[in-house]
Amino acid sequence: YLKVKGLEQRNVSIEKIADWMGETEGKIEEYKNVMKIMDDYLEYL
């Protein structure tokens, strides 16, 4: 999840991240969305 977040912050496209990680674009979107909730949780606490 951190890997996806870091790559997205460096303006790497979802398509490229999926290719680099050997995943589907849908799975990368899922990682991205879960990471957003993880960050919200950390901020809440």
All heavy atoms as atom14 arrays in JSON, in Angstrom:
{
  "sequence": "YLKVKGLEQRNVSIEKIADWMGETEGKIEEYKNVMKIMDDYLEYL",
  "atom14_mask": [
    [1, 1, 1, 1, 1, 1, 1, 1, 1, 1, 1, 1, 0, 0],
    [1, 1, 1, 1, 1, 1, 1, 1, 0, 0, 0, 0, 0, 0],
    [1, 1, 1, 1, 1, 1, 1, 1, 1, 0, 0, 0, 0, 0],
    [1, 1, 1, 1, 1, 1, 1, 0, 0, 0, 0, 0, 0, 0],
    [1, 1, 1, 1, 1, 1, 1, 1, 1, 0, 0, 0, 0, 0],
    [1, 1, 1, 1, 0, 0, 0, 0, 0, 0, 0, 0, 0, 0],
    [1, 1, 1, 1, 1, 1, 1, 1, 0, 0, 0, 0, 0, 0],
    [1, 1, 1, 1, 1, 1, 1, 1, 1, 0, 0, 0, 0, 0],
    [1, 1, 1, 1, 1, 1, 1, 1, 1, 0, 0, 0, 0, 0],
    [1, 1, 1, 1, 1, 1, 1, 1, 1, 1, 1, 0, 0, 0],
    [1, 1, 1, 1, 1, 1, 1, 1, 0, 0, 0, 0, 0, 0],
    [1, 1, 1, 1, 1, 1, 1, 0, 0, 0, 0, 0, 0, 0],
    [1, 1, 1, 1, 1, 1, 0, 0, 0, 0, 0, 0, 0, 0],
    [1, 1, 1, 1, 1, 1, 1, 1, 0, 0, 0, 0, 0, 0],
    [1, 1, 1, 1, 1, 1, 1, 1, 1, 0, 0, 0, 0, 0],
    [1, 1, 1, 1, 1, 1, 1, 1, 1, 0, 0, 0, 0, 0],
    [1, 1, 1, 1, 1, 1, 1, 1, 0, 0, 0, 0, 0, 0],
    [1, 1, 1, 1, 1, 0, 0, 0, 0, 0, 0, 0, 0, 0],
    [1, 1, 1, 1, 1, 1, 1, 1, 0, 0, 0, 0, 0, 0],
    [1, 1, 1, 1, 1, 1, 1, 1, 1, 1, 1, 1, 1, 1],
    [1, 1, 1, 1, 1, 1, 1, 1, 0, 0, 0, 0, 0, 0],
    [1, 1, 1, 1, 0, 0, 0, 0, 0, 0, 0, 0, 0, 0],
    [1, 1, 1, 1, 1, 1, 1, 1, 1, 0, 0, 0, 0, 0],
    [1, 1, 1, 1, 1, 1, 1, 0, 0, 0, 0, 0, 0, 0],
    [1, 1, 1, 1, 1, 1, 1, 1, 1, 0, 0, 0, 0, 0],
    [1, 1, 1, 1, 0, 0, 0, 0, 0, 0, 0, 0, 0, 0],
    [1, 1, 1, 1, 1, 1, 1, 1, 1, 0, 0, 0, 0, 0],
    [1, 1, 1, 1, 1, 1, 1, 1, 0, 0, 0, 0, 0, 0],
    [1, 1, 1, 1, 1, 1, 1, 1, 1, 0, 0, 0, 0, 0],
    [1, 1, 1, 1, 1, 1, 1, 1, 1, 0, 0, 0, 0, 0],
    [1, 1, 1, 1, 1, 1, 1, 1, 1, 1, 1, 1, 0, 0],
    [1, 1, 1, 1, 1, 1, 1, 1, 1, 0, 0, 0, 0, 0],
    [1, 1, 1, 1, 1, 1, 1, 1, 0, 0, 0, 0, 0, 0],
    [1, 1, 1, 1, 1, 1, 1, 0, 0, 0, 0, 0, 0, 0],
    [1, 1, 1, 1, 1, 1, 1, 1, 0, 0, 0, 0, 0, 0],
    [1, 1, 1, 1, 1, 1, 1, 1, 1, 0, 0, 0, 0, 0],
    [1, 1, 1, 1, 1, 1, 1, 1, 0, 0, 0, 0, 0, 0],
    [1, 1, 1, 1, 1, 1, 1, 1, 0, 0, 0, 0, 0, 0],
    [1, 1, 1, 1, 1, 1, 1, 1, 0, 0, 0, 0, 0, 0],
    [1, 1, 1, 1, 1, 1, 1, 1, 0, 0, 0, 0, 0, 0],
    [1, 1, 1, 1, 1, 1, 1, 1, 1, 1, 1, 1, 0, 0],
    [1, 1, 1, 1, 1, 1, 1, 1, 0, 0, 0, 0, 0, 0],
    [1, 1, 1, 1, 1, 1, 1, 1, 1, 0, 0, 0, 0, 0],
    [1, 1, 1, 1, 1, 1, 1, 1, 1, 1, 1, 1, 0, 0],
    [1, 1, 1, 1, 1, 1, 1, 1, 0, 0, 0, 0, 0, 0]
  ],
  "atom14_positions": [
    [[0.84, -1.2, 0.0], [0.0, 0.0, 0.0], [0.87, 1.25, 0.0], [0.59, 2.23, -0.71], [-0.92, 0.0, 1.22], [-1.87, -1.18, 1.26], [-1.6, -2.29, 2.04], [-3.03, -1.19, 0.48], [-2.46, -3.38, 2.08], [-3.9, -2.27, 0.5], [-3.61, -3.36, 1.3], [-4.46, -4.45, 1.32], [0.0, 0.0, 0.0], [0.0, 0.0, 0.0]],
    [[1.94, 1.22, 0.79], [2.86, 2.36, 0.82], [3.57, 2.53, -0.51], [3.84, 3.65, -0.95], [3.89, 2.16, 1.94], [3.42, 2.44, 3.36], [4.49, 2.05, 4.36], [3.03, 3.89, 3.52], [0.0, 0.0, 0.0], [0.0, 0.0, 0.0], [0.0, 0.0, 0.0], [0.0, 0.0, 0.0], [0.0, 0.0, 0.0], [0.0, 0.0, 0.0]],
    [[3.89, 1.42, -1.16], [4.55, 1.48, -2.46], [3.66, 2.2, -3.47], [4.11, 3.08, -4.2], [4.89, 0.07, -2.94], [5.48, 0.01, -4.34], [6.84, 0.7, -4.43], [7.93, -0.06, -3.74], [9.27, 0.53, -3.99], [0.0, 0.0, 0.0], [0.0, 0.0, 0.0], [0.0, 0.0, 0.0], [0.0, 0.0, 0.0], [0.0, 0.0, 0.0]],
    [[2.38, 1.85, -3.5], [1.44, 2.49, -4.42], [1.31, 3.98, -4.09], [1.34, 4.83, -4.98], [0.06, 1.8, -4.36], [-0.99, 2.61, -5.13], [0.15, 0.4, -4.95], [0.0, 0.0, 0.0], [0.0, 0.0, 0.0], [0.0, 0.0, 0.0], [0.0, 0.0, 0.0], [0.0, 0.0, 0.0], [0.0, 0.0, 0.0], [0.0, 0.0, 0.0]],
    [[1.18, 4.29, -2.83], [1.07, 5.7, -2.42], [2.28, 6.51, -2.85], [2.16, 7.61, -3.41], [0.89, 5.79, -0.9], [0.82, 7.21, -0.38], [0.71, 7.24, 1.14], [0.7, 8.67, 1.66], [0.58, 8.73, 3.14], [0.0, 0.0, 0.0], [0.0, 0.0, 0.0], [0.0, 0.0, 0.0], [0.0, 0.0, 0.0], [0.0, 0.0, 0.0]],
    [[3.47, 5.95, -2.61], [4.69, 6.66, -2.97], [4.84, 6.88, -4.46], [5.24, 7.96, -4.91], [0.0, 0.0, 0.0], [0.0, 0.0, 0.0], [0.0, 0.0, 0.0], [0.0, 0.0, 0.0], [0.0, 0.0, 0.0], [0.0, 0.0, 0.0], [0.0, 0.0, 0.0], [0.0, 0.0, 0.0], [0.0, 0.0, 0.0], [0.0, 0.0, 0.0]],
    [[4.5, 5.86, -5.24], [4.6, 5.99, -6.7], [3.59, 7.0, -7.23], [3.89, 7.79, -8.12], [4.4, 4.63, -7.37], [5.53, 3.62, -7.16], [5.14, 2.25, -7.69], [6.82, 4.09, -7.85], [0.0, 0.0, 0.0], [0.0, 0.0, 0.0], [0.0, 0.0, 0.0], [0.0, 0.0, 0.0], [0.0, 0.0, 0.0], [0.0, 0.0, 0.0]],
    [[2.38, 6.96, -6.68], [1.36, 7.92, -7.13], [1.77, 9.35, -6.79], [1.56, 10.27, -7.58], [0.02, 7.59, -6.48], [-1.12, 8.42, -7.06], [-2.44, 8.18, -6.36], [-2.44, 7.83, -5.17], [-3.47, 8.35, -7.02], [0.0, 0.0, 0.0], [0.0, 0.0, 0.0], [0.0, 0.0, 0.0], [0.0, 0.0, 0.0], [0.0, 0.0, 0.0]],
    [[2.4, 9.55, -5.64], [2.87, 10.88, -5.26], [3.95, 11.38, -6.21], [4.16, 12.59, -6.32], [3.4, 10.85, -3.82], [2.3, 10.74, -2.77], [2.84, 10.61, -1.36], [3.96, 10.14, -1.15], [2.07, 11.03, -0.37], [0.0, 0.0, 0.0], [0.0, 0.0, 0.0], [0.0, 0.0, 0.0], [0.0, 0.0, 0.0], [0.0, 0.0, 0.0]],
    [[4.6, 10.45, -6.89], [5.64, 10.83, -7.86], [5.06, 10.87, -9.28], [5.78, 10.84, -10.26], [6.8, 9.85, -7.78], [7.46, 9.89, -6.41], [8.48, 8.81, -6.23], [9.67, 9.04, -7.04], [10.77, 8.3, -6.98], [10.81, 7.28, -6.15], [11.81, 8.58, -7.74], [0.0, 0.0, 0.0], [0.0, 0.0, 0.0], [0.0, 0.0, 0.0]],
    [[3.72, 10.93, -9.34], [3.0, 11.08, -10.61], [3.18, 9.9, -11.57], [3.13, 10.07, -12.79], [3.41, 12.39, -11.31], [3.06, 13.62, -10.49], [1.97, 13.71, -9.95], [3.99, 14.55, -10.4], [0.0, 0.0, 0.0], [0.0, 0.0, 0.0], [0.0, 0.0, 0.0], [0.0, 0.0, 0.0], [0.0, 0.0, 0.0], [0.0, 0.0, 0.0]],
    [[3.39, 8.72, -11.01], [3.41, 7.51, -11.83], [1.96, 7.07, -12.04], [1.19, 7.02, -11.08], [4.22, 6.38, -11.15], [4.22, 5.13, -12.02], [5.65, 6.85, -10.89], [0.0, 0.0, 0.0], [0.0, 0.0, 0.0], [0.0, 0.0, 0.0], [0.0, 0.0, 0.0], [0.0, 0.0, 0.0], [0.0, 0.0, 0.0], [0.0, 0.0, 0.0]],
    [[1.58, 6.78, -13.27], [0.2, 6.43, -13.57], [-0.18, 5.08, -12.99], [0.68, 4.22, -12.74], [0.0, 6.39, -15.09], [0.68, 5.29, -15.66], [0.0, 0.0, 0.0], [0.0, 0.0, 0.0], [0.0, 0.0, 0.0], [0.0, 0.0, 0.0], [0.0, 0.0, 0.0], [0.0, 0.0, 0.0], [0.0, 0.0, 0.0], [0.0, 0.0, 0.0]],
    [[-1.49, 4.89, -12.77], [-2.01, 3.62, -12.26], [-1.61, 2.49, -13.21], [-1.25, 1.39, -12.78], [-3.54, 3.68, -12.1], [-3.92, 4.69, -11.02], [-4.1, 2.29, -11.77], [-3.45, 4.34, -9.63], [0.0, 0.0, 0.0], [0.0, 0.0, 0.0], [0.0, 0.0, 0.0], [0.0, 0.0, 0.0], [0.0, 0.0, 0.0], [0.0, 0.0, 0.0]],
    [[-1.66, 2.76, -14.5], [-1.29, 1.76, -15.49], [0.15, 1.29, -15.31], [0.44, 0.09, -15.34], [-1.48, 2.33, -16.9], [-1.13, 1.37, -18.01], [-1.27, 1.98, -19.39], [-1.5, 3.2, -19.48], [-1.15, 1.24, -20.38], [0.0, 0.0, 0.0], [0.0, 0.0, 0.0], [0.0, 0.0, 0.0], [0.0, 0.0, 0.0], [0.0, 0.0, 0.0]],
    [[1.06, 2.25, -15.11], [2.47, 1.89, -14.93], [2.69, 1.17, -13.6], [3.46, 0.2, -13.55], [3.34, 3.14, -15.01], [3.53, 3.69, -16.41], [4.49, 4.86, -16.41], [4.73, 5.37, -17.83], [5.68, 6.52, -17.84], [0.0, 0.0, 0.0], [0.0, 0.0, 0.0], [0.0, 0.0, 0.0], [0.0, 0.0, 0.0], [0.0, 0.0, 0.0]],
    [[2.04, 1.65, -12.55], [2.2, 1.0, -11.25], [1.76, -0.46, -11.33], [2.43, -1.36, -10.82], [1.4, 1.74, -10.16], [1.93, 3.17, -9.98], [1.49, 0.97, -8.83], [1.09, 4.02, -9.04], [0.0, 0.0, 0.0], [0.0, 0.0, 0.0], [0.0, 0.0, 0.0], [0.0, 0.0, 0.0], [0.0, 0.0, 0.0], [0.0, 0.0, 0.0]],
    [[0.64, -0.69, -12.01], [0.13, -2.05, -12.17], [1.14, -2.92, -12.92], [1.39, -4.07, -12.54], [-1.21, -2.03, -12.91], [0.0, 0.0, 0.0], [0.0, 0.0, 0.0], [0.0, 0.0, 0.0], [0.0, 0.0, 0.0], [0.0, 0.0, 0.0], [0.0, 0.0, 0.0], [0.0, 0.0, 0.0], [0.0, 0.0, 0.0], [0.0, 0.0, 0.0]],
    [[1.72, -2.35, -13.95], [2.72, -3.1, -14.74], [3.95, -3.41, -13.9], [4.44, -4.54, -13.89], [3.09, -2.27, -15.97], [4.13, -2.97, -16.84], [3.93, -4.16, -17.16], [5.15, -2.34, -17.19], [0.0, 0.0, 0.0], [0.0, 0.0, 0.0], [0.0, 0.0, 0.0], [0.0, 0.0, 0.0], [0.0, 0.0, 0.0], [0.0, 0.0, 0.0]],
    [[4.43, -2.44, -13.16], [5.63, -2.62, -12.35], [5.42, -3.64, -11.24], [6.32, -4.41, -10.9], [6.07, -1.3, -11.73], [6.48, -0.25, -12.73], [6.48, -0.37, -14.1], [6.93, 1.07, -12.45], [6.89, 0.81, -14.68], [7.18, 1.71, -13.69], [7.12, 1.79, -11.27], [7.63, 3.02, -13.78], [7.56, 3.1, -11.35], [7.82, 3.7, -12.6]],
    [[4.2, -3.65, -10.66], [3.93, -4.52, -9.53], [3.35, -5.87, -9.93], [3.1, -6.72, -9.09], [2.98, -3.82, -8.54], [3.61, -2.63, -7.84], [2.53, -1.83, -6.6], [2.39, -3.1, -5.36], [0.0, 0.0, 0.0], [0.0, 0.0, 0.0], [0.0, 0.0, 0.0], [0.0, 0.0, 0.0], [0.0, 0.0, 0.0], [0.0, 0.0, 0.0]],
    [[3.12, -6.04, -11.24], [2.56, -7.3, -11.7], [1.12, -7.51, -11.26], [0.71, -8.63, -10.96], [0.0, 0.0, 0.0], [0.0, 0.0, 0.0], [0.0, 0.0, 0.0], [0.0, 0.0, 0.0], [0.0, 0.0, 0.0], [0.0, 0.0, 0.0], [0.0, 0.0, 0.0], [0.0, 0.0, 0.0], [0.0, 0.0, 0.0], [0.0, 0.0, 0.0]],
    [[0.35, -6.41, -11.2], [-1.04, -6.47, -10.76], [-1.96, -5.87, -11.83], [-1.49, -5.25, -12.78], [-1.24, -5.68, -9.45], [-0.51, -6.24, -8.25], [-1.21, -7.46, -7.66], [-2.15, -7.98, -8.3], [-0.82, -7.88, -6.56], [0.0, 0.0, 0.0], [0.0, 0.0, 0.0], [0.0, 0.0, 0.0], [0.0, 0.0, 0.0], [0.0, 0.0, 0.0]],
    [[-3.27, -6.03, -11.65], [-4.23, -5.37, -12.53], [-4.41, -3.92, -12.07], [-4.12, -3.58, -10.91], [-5.6, -6.07, -12.49], [-6.14, -5.94, -11.16], [-5.47, -7.55, -12.85], [0.0, 0.0, 0.0], [0.0, 0.0, 0.0], [0.0, 0.0, 0.0], [0.0, 0.0, 0.0], [0.0, 0.0, 0.0], [0.0, 0.0, 0.0], [0.0, 0.0, 0.0]],
    [[-4.89, -3.08, -12.96], [-5.16, -1.69, -12.59], [-6.22, -1.62, -11.5], [-6.18, -0.76, -10.61], [-5.58, -0.89, -13.82], [-4.46, -0.7, -14.84], [-4.89, 0.1, -16.05], [-5.67, 1.07, -15.88], [-4.45, -0.23, -17.17], [0.0, 0.0, 0.0], [0.0, 0.0, 0.0], [0.0, 0.0, 0.0], [0.0, 0.0, 0.0], [0.0, 0.0, 0.0]],
    [[-7.2, -2.55, -11.56], [-8.24, -2.58, -10.53], [-7.67, -2.87, -9.15], [-8.1, -2.28, -8.15], [0.0, 0.0, 0.0], [0.0, 0.0, 0.0], [0.0, 0.0, 0.0], [0.0, 0.0, 0.0], [0.0, 0.0, 0.0], [0.0, 0.0, 0.0], [0.0, 0.0, 0.0], [0.0, 0.0, 0.0], [0.0, 0.0, 0.0], [0.0, 0.0, 0.0]],
    [[-6.7, -3.76, -9.08], [-6.07, -4.08, -7.8], [-5.27, -2.89, -7.27], [-5.29, -2.61, -6.06], [-5.15, -5.3, -7.96], [-4.42, -5.72, -6.7], [-5.36, -6.04, -5.55], [-6.08, -7.35, -5.77], [-6.86, -7.76, -4.55], [0.0, 0.0, 0.0], [0.0, 0.0, 0.0], [0.0, 0.0, 0.0], [0.0, 0.0, 0.0], [0.0, 0.0, 0.0]],
    [[-4.6, -2.16, -8.15], [-3.86, -0.97, -7.72], [-4.81, 0.1, -7.2], [-4.53, 0.77, -6.19], [-3.0, -0.41, -8.88], [-1.97, -1.46, -9.33], [-2.28, 0.87, -8.44], [-1.05, -1.97, -8.24], [0.0, 0.0, 0.0], [0.0, 0.0, 0.0], [0.0, 0.0, 0.0], [0.0, 0.0, 0.0], [0.0, 0.0, 0.0], [0.0, 0.0, 0.0]],
    [[-5.96, 0.26, -7.86], [-6.98, 1.2, -7.37], [-7.45, 0.78, -5.98], [-7.68, 1.63, -5.11], [-8.16, 1.25, -8.33], [-7.9, 1.99, -9.64], [-7.84, 3.5, -9.48], [-8.07, 3.99, -8.35], [-7.57, 4.18, -10.48], [0.0, 0.0, 0.0], [0.0, 0.0, 0.0], [0.0, 0.0, 0.0], [0.0, 0.0, 0.0], [0.0, 0.0, 0.0]],
    [[-7.59, -0.52, -5.79], [-7.99, -1.03, -4.47], [-6.93, -0.69, -3.43], [-7.26, -0.21, -2.32], [-8.2, -2.54, -4.54], [-8.6, -3.17, -3.21], [-8.7, -4.68, -3.29], [-9.17, -5.19, -4.32], [-8.29, -5.34, -2.31], [0.0, 0.0, 0.0], [0.0, 0.0, 0.0], [0.0, 0.0, 0.0], [0.0, 0.0, 0.0], [0.0, 0.0, 0.0]],
    [[-5.66, -0.94, -3.75], [-4.58, -0.59, -2.82], [-4.62, 0.9, -2.49], [-4.45, 1.3, -1.32], [-3.22, -0.93, -3.43], [-2.92, -2.41, -3.57], [-1.88, -2.83, -4.4], [-3.63, -3.38, -2.87], [-1.58, -4.19, -4.54], [-3.33, -4.72, -3.01], [-2.31, -5.12, -3.84], [-2.0, -6.45, -3.98], [0.0, 0.0, 0.0], [0.0, 0.0, 0.0]],
    [[-4.83, 1.7, -3.5], [-4.86, 3.17, -3.34], [-5.99, 3.58, -2.39], [-5.8, 4.4, -1.48], [-5.05, 3.81, -4.71], [-5.29, 5.3, -4.7], [-5.54, 5.79, -6.13], [-6.05, 7.22, -6.15], [-6.35, 7.67, -7.54], [0.0, 0.0, 0.0], [0.0, 0.0, 0.0], [0.0, 0.0, 0.0], [0.0, 0.0, 0.0], [0.0, 0.0, 0.0]],
    [[-7.17, 3.0, -2.57], [-8.33, 3.35, -1.75], [-8.17, 2.88, -0.31], [-8.54, 3.59, 0.64], [-9.6, 2.77, -2.37], [-9.94, 3.38, -3.71], [-9.55, 4.5, -4.01], [-10.67, 2.64, -4.54], [0.0, 0.0, 0.0], [0.0, 0.0, 0.0], [0.0, 0.0, 0.0], [0.0, 0.0, 0.0], [0.0, 0.0, 0.0], [0.0, 0.0, 0.0]],
    [[-7.61, 1.68, -0.14], [-7.38, 1.18, 1.22], [-6.34, 2.04, 1.93], [-6.49, 2.35, 3.12], [-6.94, -0.31, 1.18], [-6.51, -0.78, 2.57], [-8.06, -1.19, 0.66], [0.0, 0.0, 0.0], [0.0, 0.0, 0.0], [0.0, 0.0, 0.0], [0.0, 0.0, 0.0], [0.0, 0.0, 0.0], [0.0, 0.0, 0.0], [0.0, 0.0, 0.0]],
    [[-5.3, 2.45, 1.21], [-4.27, 3.3, 1.81], [-4.86, 4.63, 2.28], [-4.46, 5.16, 3.33], [-3.16, 3.55, 0.79], [-1.95, 4.31, 1.35], [-0.9, 3.33, 2.45], [-1.2, 4.13, 4.03], [0.0, 0.0, 0.0], [0.0, 0.0, 0.0], [0.0, 0.0, 0.0], [0.0, 0.0, 0.0], [0.0, 0.0, 0.0], [0.0, 0.0, 0.0]],
    [[-5.83, 5.16, 1.53], [-6.49, 6.42, 1.93], [-7.19, 6.23, 3.27], [-7.09, 7.1, 4.16], [-7.51, 6.82, 0.85], [-8.42, 7.97, 1.22], [-7.67, 9.27, 1.41], [-8.61, 10.47, 1.51], [-9.55, 10.39, 2.67], [0.0, 0.0, 0.0], [0.0, 0.0, 0.0], [0.0, 0.0, 0.0], [0.0, 0.0, 0.0], [0.0, 0.0, 0.0]],
    [[-7.89, 5.11, 3.46], [-8.57, 4.86, 4.73], [-7.55, 4.62, 5.84], [-7.73, 5.06, 6.99], [-9.52, 3.66, 4.61], [-10.56, 3.91, 3.51], [-10.23, 3.39, 5.94], [-11.38, 5.17, 3.69], [0.0, 0.0, 0.0], [0.0, 0.0, 0.0], [0.0, 0.0, 0.0], [0.0, 0.0, 0.0], [0.0, 0.0, 0.0], [0.0, 0.0, 0.0]],
    [[-6.44, 3.96, 5.52], [-5.37, 3.77, 6.51], [-4.84, 5.11, 6.98], [-4.61, 5.32, 8.19], [-4.24, 2.94, 5.9], [-4.58, 1.47, 5.7], [-3.22, 0.6, 4.86], [-3.77, -1.11, 5.01], [0.0, 0.0, 0.0], [0.0, 0.0, 0.0], [0.0, 0.0, 0.0], [0.0, 0.0, 0.0], [0.0, 0.0, 0.0], [0.0, 0.0, 0.0]],
    [[-4.61, 6.02, 6.06], [-4.12, 7.34, 6.43], [-5.15, 8.11, 7.26], [-4.8, 8.83, 8.21], [-3.74, 8.14, 5.18], [-2.36, 7.79, 4.65], [-1.49, 7.43, 5.46], [-2.15, 7.88, 3.43], [0.0, 0.0, 0.0], [0.0, 0.0, 0.0], [0.0, 0.0, 0.0], [0.0, 0.0, 0.0], [0.0, 0.0, 0.0], [0.0, 0.0, 0.0]],
    [[-6.44, 7.98, 6.91], [-7.5, 8.62, 7.71], [-7.49, 8.07, 9.13], [-7.68, 8.82, 10.1], [-8.86, 8.37, 7.07], [-9.07, 9.14, 5.77], [-8.3, 10.09, 5.52], [-9.99, 8.79, 5.01], [0.0, 0.0, 0.0], [0.0, 0.0, 0.0], [0.0, 0.0, 0.0], [0.0, 0.0, 0.0], [0.0, 0.0, 0.0], [0.0, 0.0, 0.0]],
    [[-7.29, 6.78, 9.26], [-7.23, 6.13, 10.58], [-6.07, 6.68, 11.4], [-6.23, 7.03, 12.58], [-7.08, 4.62, 10.37], [-6.72, 3.81, 11.59], [-7.69, 3.41, 12.5], [-5.4, 3.39, 11.79], [-7.35, 2.63, 13.6], [-5.06, 2.61, 12.9], [-6.04, 2.24, 13.8], [-5.71, 1.47, 14.89], [0.0, 0.0, 0.0], [0.0, 0.0, 0.0]],
    [[-4.89, 6.77, 10.79], [-3.72, 7.28, 11.5], [-3.93, 8.74, 11.92], [-3.53, 9.14, 13.03], [-2.47, 7.15, 10.62], [-2.02, 5.72, 10.32], [-0.83, 5.72, 9.37], [-1.67, 4.96, 11.6], [0.0, 0.0, 0.0], [0.0, 0.0, 0.0], [0.0, 0.0, 0.0], [0.0, 0.0, 0.0], [0.0, 0.0, 0.0], [0.0, 0.0, 0.0]],
    [[-4.55, 9.52, 11.05], [-4.82, 10.92, 11.39], [-5.83, 11.01, 12.54], [-5.67, 11.84, 13.44], [-5.35, 11.66, 10.16], [-5.58, 13.14, 10.41], [-6.0, 13.9, 9.16], [-6.08, 13.27, 8.08], [-6.26, 15.11, 9.27], [0.0, 0.0, 0.0], [0.0, 0.0, 0.0], [0.0, 0.0, 0.0], [0.0, 0.0, 0.0], [0.0, 0.0, 0.0]],
    [[-6.84, 10.16, 12.5], [-7.86, 10.14, 13.56], [-7.23, 9.87, 14.92], [-7.63, 10.44, 15.95], [-8.9, 9.07, 13.22], [-9.87, 8.73, 14.33], [-10.84, 9.64, 14.75], [-9.82, 7.48, 14.96], [-11.74, 9.32, 15.76], [-10.71, 7.15, 15.97], [-11.67, 8.07, 16.37], [-12.55, 7.75, 17.38], [0.0, 0.0, 0.0], [0.0, 0.0, 0.0]],
    [[-6.21, 9.03, 14.94], [-5.55, 8.67, 16.2], [-4.3, 9.5, 16.48], [-3.57, 9.23, 17.44], [-5.17, 7.18, 16.17], [-6.34, 6.19, 16.11], [-5.84, 4.78, 15.92], [-7.2, 6.29, 17.36], [0.0, 0.0, 0.0], [0.0, 0.0, 0.0], [0.0, 0.0, 0.0], [0.0, 0.0, 0.0], [0.0, 0.0, 0.0], [0.0, 0.0, 0.0]]
  ]
}
